[in-house]
Amino acid sequence: MFRSVAWGGSAITSSISSTLGVSPEEADQIKLDYSKFKATQGEKDVVVALQESVNSLLSDLNQTLIAYRNQIRKTFHRLNCGR
C-alpha cells in the first residue's frame, strides 16, 4: 500500500496566515523568523497556528494507518518515515 500525504512548509505558512490574519508573504516571514515574531507579537498565536497545521497532518496519517491495518488485517507497531 502506498499513500502520499501532501504536507510541508506551505501548510504551516497557510495555517499561520489564516490564524493570524496576515498575508501568505507575512506568514512565510513569520515562519522563517520565528524568534523575532515571538518577541514582538507573542508565542501563543504562532503555537496555535502550528498546532492546527500539525493536527491536520496527524489526522491524515492516522487515517492512512487505519486503512493499512484494515487492509493487511494485522496490527503493526512501527512506522518508518523518510524520503
C-alpha atoms as a PDB file:
ATOM      1  CA  MET A   1       0.000   0.000   0.000  1.00  0.00           C
ATOM      2  CA  PHE A   2       1.306   3.427  -0.893  1.00  0.00           C
ATOM      3  CA  ARG A   3      -0.159   6.789   0.003  1.00  0.00           C
ATOM      4  CA  SER A   4       1.397  10.172  -0.333  1.00  0.00           C
ATOM      5  CA  VAL A   5       0.440  12.819   2.217  1.00  0.00           C
ATOM      6  CA  ALA A   6       0.902  16.279   0.782  1.00  0.00           C
ATOM      7  CA  TRP A   7       2.109  18.341   3.707  1.00  0.00           C
ATOM      8  CA  GLY A   8       5.020  20.657   4.217  1.00  0.00           C
ATOM      9  CA  GLY A   9       6.142  24.197   4.736  1.00  0.00           C
ATOM     10  CA  SER A  10       3.294  25.638   2.704  1.00  0.00           C
ATOM     11  CA  ALA A  11       0.774  24.035   5.081  1.00  0.00           C
ATOM     12  CA  ILE A  12       2.482  25.751   8.002  1.00  0.00           C
ATOM     13  CA  THR A  13       2.564  29.076   6.161  1.00  0.00           C
ATOM     14  CA  SER A  14      -1.127  28.775   5.286  1.00  0.00           C
ATOM     15  CA  SER A  15      -2.053  27.971   8.869  1.00  0.00           C
ATOM     16  CA  ILE A  16      -0.082  30.934  10.213  1.00  0.00           C
ATOM     17  CA  SER A  17      -1.674  33.189   7.591  1.00  0.00           C
ATOM     18  CA  SER A  18      -5.257  32.189   8.400  1.00  0.00           C
ATOM     19  CA  THR A  19      -4.804  32.038  12.182  1.00  0.00           C
ATOM     20  CA  LEU A  20      -3.069  35.391  12.477  1.00  0.00           C
ATOM     21  CA  GLY A  21      -4.935  37.126   9.630  1.00  0.00           C
ATOM     22  CA  VAL A  22      -1.780  38.068   7.750  1.00  0.00           C
ATOM     23  CA  SER A  23      -0.824  37.688   4.106  1.00  0.00           C
ATOM     24  CA  PRO A  24       0.912  34.496   2.976  1.00  0.00           C
ATOM     25  CA  GLU A  25       4.080  36.522   2.447  1.00  0.00           C
ATOM     26  CA  GLU A  26       3.968  37.854   6.003  1.00  0.00           C
ATOM     27  CA  ALA A  27       3.183  34.364   7.318  1.00  0.00           C
ATOM     28  CA  ASP A  28       6.182  32.928   5.489  1.00  0.00           C
ATOM     29  CA  GLN A  29       8.406  35.593   7.019  1.00  0.00           C
ATOM     30  CA  ILE A  30       6.993  34.836  10.479  1.00  0.00           C
ATOM     31  CA  LYS A  31       7.736  31.163   9.938  1.00  0.00           C
ATOM     32  CA  LEU A  32      11.284  31.906   8.810  1.00  0.00           C
ATOM     33  CA  ASP A  33      11.955  34.424  11.559  1.00  0.00           C
ATOM     34  CA  TYR A  34      10.045  32.856  14.434  1.00  0.00           C
ATOM     35  CA  SER A  35      12.265  34.203  17.206  1.00  0.00           C
ATOM     36  CA  LYS A  36      11.717  37.802  16.090  1.00  0.00           C
ATOM     37  CA  PHE A  37       7.951  37.253  15.876  1.00  0.00           C
ATOM     38  CA  LYS A  38       7.865  35.662  19.288  1.00  0.00           C
ATOM     39  CA  ALA A  39       9.416  38.754  20.802  1.00  0.00           C
ATOM     40  CA  THR A  40       7.049  41.175  19.062  1.00  0.00           C
ATOM     41  CA  GLN A  41       3.618  39.501  18.954  1.00  0.00           C
ATOM     42  CA  GLY A  42       3.626  36.599  21.354  1.00  0.00           C
ATOM     43  CA  GLU A  43       4.461  32.959  21.122  1.00  0.00           C
ATOM     44  CA  LYS A  44       0.926  31.737  21.767  1.00  0.00           C
ATOM     45  CA  ASP A  45      -0.523  32.820  18.387  1.00  0.00           C
ATOM     46  CA  VAL A  46       2.226  31.097  16.439  1.00  0.00           C
ATOM     47  CA  VAL A  47       1.918  27.931  18.521  1.00  0.00           C
ATOM     48  CA  VAL A  48      -1.833  27.808  17.845  1.00  0.00           C
ATOM     49  CA  ALA A  49      -1.214  28.154  14.110  1.00  0.00           C
ATOM     50  CA  LEU A  50       1.414  25.420  14.144  1.00  0.00           C
ATOM     51  CA  GLN A  51      -0.815  23.094  16.186  1.00  0.00           C
ATOM     52  CA  GLU A  52      -3.628  23.445  13.656  1.00  0.00           C
ATOM     53  CA  SER A  53      -1.286  22.578  10.817  1.00  0.00           C
ATOM     54  CA  VAL A  54       0.306  19.607  12.584  1.00  0.00           C
ATOM     55  CA  ASN A  55      -3.095  18.302  13.753  1.00  0.00           C
ATOM     56  CA  SER A  56      -4.179  18.136  10.116  1.00  0.00           C
ATOM     57  CA  LEU A  57      -1.073  16.102   9.257  1.00  0.00           C
ATOM     58  CA  LEU A  58      -1.605  13.758  12.191  1.00  0.00           C
ATOM     59  CA  SER A  59      -5.220  13.196  11.180  1.00  0.00           C
ATOM     60  CA  ASP A  60      -4.148  12.248   7.641  1.00  0.00           C
ATOM     61  CA  LEU A  61      -1.512   9.881   8.969  1.00  0.00           C
ATOM     62  CA  ASN A  62      -3.961   8.283  11.389  1.00  0.00           C
ATOM     63  CA  GLN A  63      -6.462   7.639   8.596  1.00  0.00           C
ATOM     64  CA  THR A  64      -3.710   6.094   6.483  1.00  0.00           C
ATOM     65  CA  LEU A  65      -2.588   3.804   9.285  1.00  0.00           C
ATOM     66  CA  ILE A  66      -6.140   2.658   9.991  1.00  0.00           C
ATOM     67  CA  ALA A  67      -6.704   1.878   6.309  1.00  0.00           C
ATOM     68  CA  TYR A  68      -3.414  -0.007   6.134  1.00  0.00           C
ATOM     69  CA  ARG A  69      -4.180  -2.004   9.261  1.00  0.00           C
ATOM     70  CA  ASN A  70      -7.613  -2.916   7.899  1.00  0.00           C
ATOM     71  CA  GLN A  71      -6.141  -3.915   4.549  1.00  0.00           C
ATOM     72  CA  ILE A  72      -3.485  -6.265   5.936  1.00  0.00           C
ATOM     73  CA  ARG A  73      -5.619  -7.304   8.922  1.00  0.00           C
ATOM     74  CA  LYS A  74      -2.638  -7.182  11.242  1.00  0.00           C
ATOM     75  CA  THR A  75      -1.529  -4.858  13.971  1.00  0.00           C
ATOM     76  CA  PHE A  76       1.764  -3.137  13.402  1.00  0.00           C
ATOM     77  CA  HIS A  77       3.955  -1.451  15.962  1.00  0.00           C
ATOM     78  CA  ARG A  78       6.416   0.544  13.940  1.00  0.00           C
ATOM     79  CA  LEU A  79       6.213   3.060  11.129  1.00  0.00           C
ATOM     80  CA  ASN A  80       9.268   4.142   9.175  1.00  0.00           C
ATOM     81  CA  CYS A  81       9.156   7.637   7.746  1.00  0.00           C
ATOM     82  CA  GLY A  82      11.605   9.216   5.395  1.00  0.00           C
ATOM     83  CA  ARG A  83      12.420  10.027   1.841  1.00  0.00           C
END
